Amino acid sequence: MDGLGRRVLVAAFDGWNDAGEAATTAVGVLRAESTYEEVYAVDPELYFDYQYTRPSVSLDGEGHRMLSWPSTTMLRPARTRRGTQLWLLTGVEPARAWQAFSNEIVDVALREDITGFVALGSMMSDVPHTRPITVFAGSDNEALRRGLGLERSTYEGPVGILSALSVAAERAGIPTVGLWASVPHYVAGHTPSPKASLALLDRLEDLTGAAVPRADLAAQAAQWEATIDAAAAEDDEMTEYIHQLERTRDTWDDPEASGDAIAQAFERYLRRDGDQGKPGRDDPRGSR
């Protein structure tokens, strides 16, 4: 996997880019299952609006009150191992000065000889929870698209901090990939979405060749799906809607499906409930 090199920075942020907390949960598993040490942390005074993302108070072991401020930190593996090393970038999406924020992070990445950047995101989509979670894997880097079989995003519209960081990294010569999991929009109340986190980690391992831990995400994903199945069983309208999504997904996935059948299914998908079929919220897929 020479396209991303052997020192890959994996990024996920709370906020707009993190439907179902899928991306931050995935990075949380990476952090919990290995030993990391902090390399860098941004100054929160420069980038965060505390009325939007408030600091929190907690008690330490001696009962003293401590304030924790929103921030973004870069972490490196505490042990050097052979093969690809996954570094982590995690925190809260900044509220201001995105260009300065991105440049600061990229400067640190260059200083630390980061060879590749993978942005993890998730978005609410019209997809069924009963099928494998779709992960869009895209890049603006032509060499990566050829070498790793990635797509090129055609999305135009508002973006989150992941897009700003990706553009800054590519301009600085760090090859960049975006992985976006599609989270069923009708399960918004069932957060986090471990099935989407698992799909992101599976794709990350495919791209980087690194041994990626999953902890107990498979068991959590099965329980998550069973919980939604139980809720749907008590709601006939929801059950029928899920069946519609399943039929559409199965049509797209069928290698023997005709082009006309796929086109008709996609048109029905776009017409359903008007805007619900359109890309949104930093959706990297754009129009197909």
Foldseek 3Di string as FASTA:
>chain_A
DPQQHQEEEEEDAPDLFQQLVQRVVLVVQQPVVAPKDWDDKDDLVVFADCVVVNWDWDADPVRDIDTDDWIKTKIFGPDDDPGHGYIYIYTHFTDDDLLVVLLVVLVVCVVVVRQAYEYEGEDEAQAALVDQWDKQKAFPDPVCCVVQVHHHFPDDDDATSSVSNRVSNVVVPRGYMYIYTHDHNVVSVLGNQLSRNVVVQVVVCSSRVDDRDSPCSVVVNVVSVVVVVVVCVVPVVSVVSSVLNVVLVVLVVDPPRDPVVNVVSLVVLCPPPHPNSADDSNRRRHDD
